[in-house]
Each structure stands twice: as structure tokens, then as C-alpha cells.
Amino acid sequence: MITQSLLITVLGMGGVFFFLFLMICCMHLLEGFVPMQKNKKLEKIALAIAVAKRGKISK
């Protein structure tokens, strides 16, 4: 009885980890197919907001 429950537990958790491994591999494969576009304008806006917030805190 205990060996059966351990076998079911190991198989179940092994299936979950195998699925997660496959999902991570697929994400890495898709990363090569999908072009990433960096928007410099948004980076400048974020930097301006961070500088403005920091300036208000230090005063």
C-alpha cells in the first residue's frame, strides 16, 4: 500500500516536472522566433519618471 502511494506520488510529480521542463524549452524556442523590439522612447520616459520621483523624495 505504501509502495503504491509512493509510486503514484513519484509518477505524478515526475509528470509535473516533465511538463514544466517542456514548457520552459518551448519558451526558449519561441524566444528565437519572436523578434524583440526595444522602445527607446519608453525607456527615456521611465528614466524621467524615476528621476522626478527621486528628486521629490530628497527635498
Protein backbone atom coordinates (compact mmCIF):
# COMPACT_ATOMS: atom_id res chain seq x y z
CA MET A 1 0.00 0.00 0.00
CA ILE A 2 2.75 2.46 0.94
CA THR A 3 4.84 1.49 -2.09
CA GLN A 4 1.85 2.09 -4.35
CA SER A 5 1.28 5.54 -2.89
CA LEU A 6 4.97 6.39 -3.26
CA LEU A 7 4.89 5.20 -6.87
CA ILE A 8 1.82 7.32 -7.62
CA THR A 9 3.46 10.33 -5.94
CA VAL A 10 6.71 9.93 -7.85
CA LEU A 11 4.92 9.44 -11.16
CA GLY A 12 2.64 12.42 -10.54
CA MET A 13 5.41 14.79 -9.53
CA GLY A 14 7.63 13.46 -12.32
CA GLY A 15 4.86 14.24 -14.81
CA VAL A 16 4.52 17.76 -13.47
CA PHE A 17 8.26 18.44 -13.63
CA PHE A 18 8.47 16.94 -17.11
CA PHE A 19 5.64 19.25 -18.24
CA LEU A 20 7.40 22.27 -16.72
CA PHE A 21 10.65 21.26 -18.43
CA LEU A 22 8.88 21.01 -21.79
CA MET A 23 7.17 24.36 -21.25
CA ILE A 24 10.49 26.09 -20.48
CA CYS A 25 12.09 24.50 -23.55
CA CYS A 26 9.21 25.71 -25.73
CA MET A 27 9.52 29.23 -24.29
CA HIS A 28 13.22 29.30 -25.15
CA LEU A 29 12.50 28.07 -28.67
CA LEU A 30 9.77 30.68 -29.18
CA GLU A 31 12.11 33.40 -27.93
CA GLY A 32 14.24 32.84 -31.04
CA PHE A 33 11.25 33.12 -33.39
CA VAL A 34 9.59 36.22 -31.92
CA PRO A 35 11.54 39.41 -32.58
CA MET A 36 12.00 41.60 -29.54
CA GLN A 37 11.60 45.32 -30.12
CA LYS A 38 13.03 47.73 -27.61
CA ASN A 39 11.26 51.02 -27.48
CA LYS A 40 13.84 53.67 -26.60
CA LYS A 41 11.14 56.29 -26.12
CA LEU A 42 9.51 54.32 -23.29
CA GLU A 43 12.89 53.79 -21.63
CA LYS A 44 13.51 57.55 -21.66
CA ILE A 45 10.06 58.21 -20.20
CA ALA A 46 10.65 55.66 -17.43
CA LEU A 47 14.01 57.22 -16.64
CA ALA A 48 12.45 60.70 -16.48
CA ILE A 49 9.76 59.46 -14.10
CA ALA A 50 12.34 57.76 -11.86
CA VAL A 51 14.49 60.89 -11.72
CA ALA A 52 11.46 63.07 -10.98
CA LYS A 53 10.31 60.80 -8.15
CA ARG A 54 13.77 60.65 -6.65
CA GLY A 55 14.05 64.42 -6.77
CA LYS A 56 10.82 64.82 -4.82
CA ILE A 57 11.93 62.39 -2.11
CA SER A 58 15.30 64.00 -1.48
CA LYS A 59 13.92 67.52 -0.95
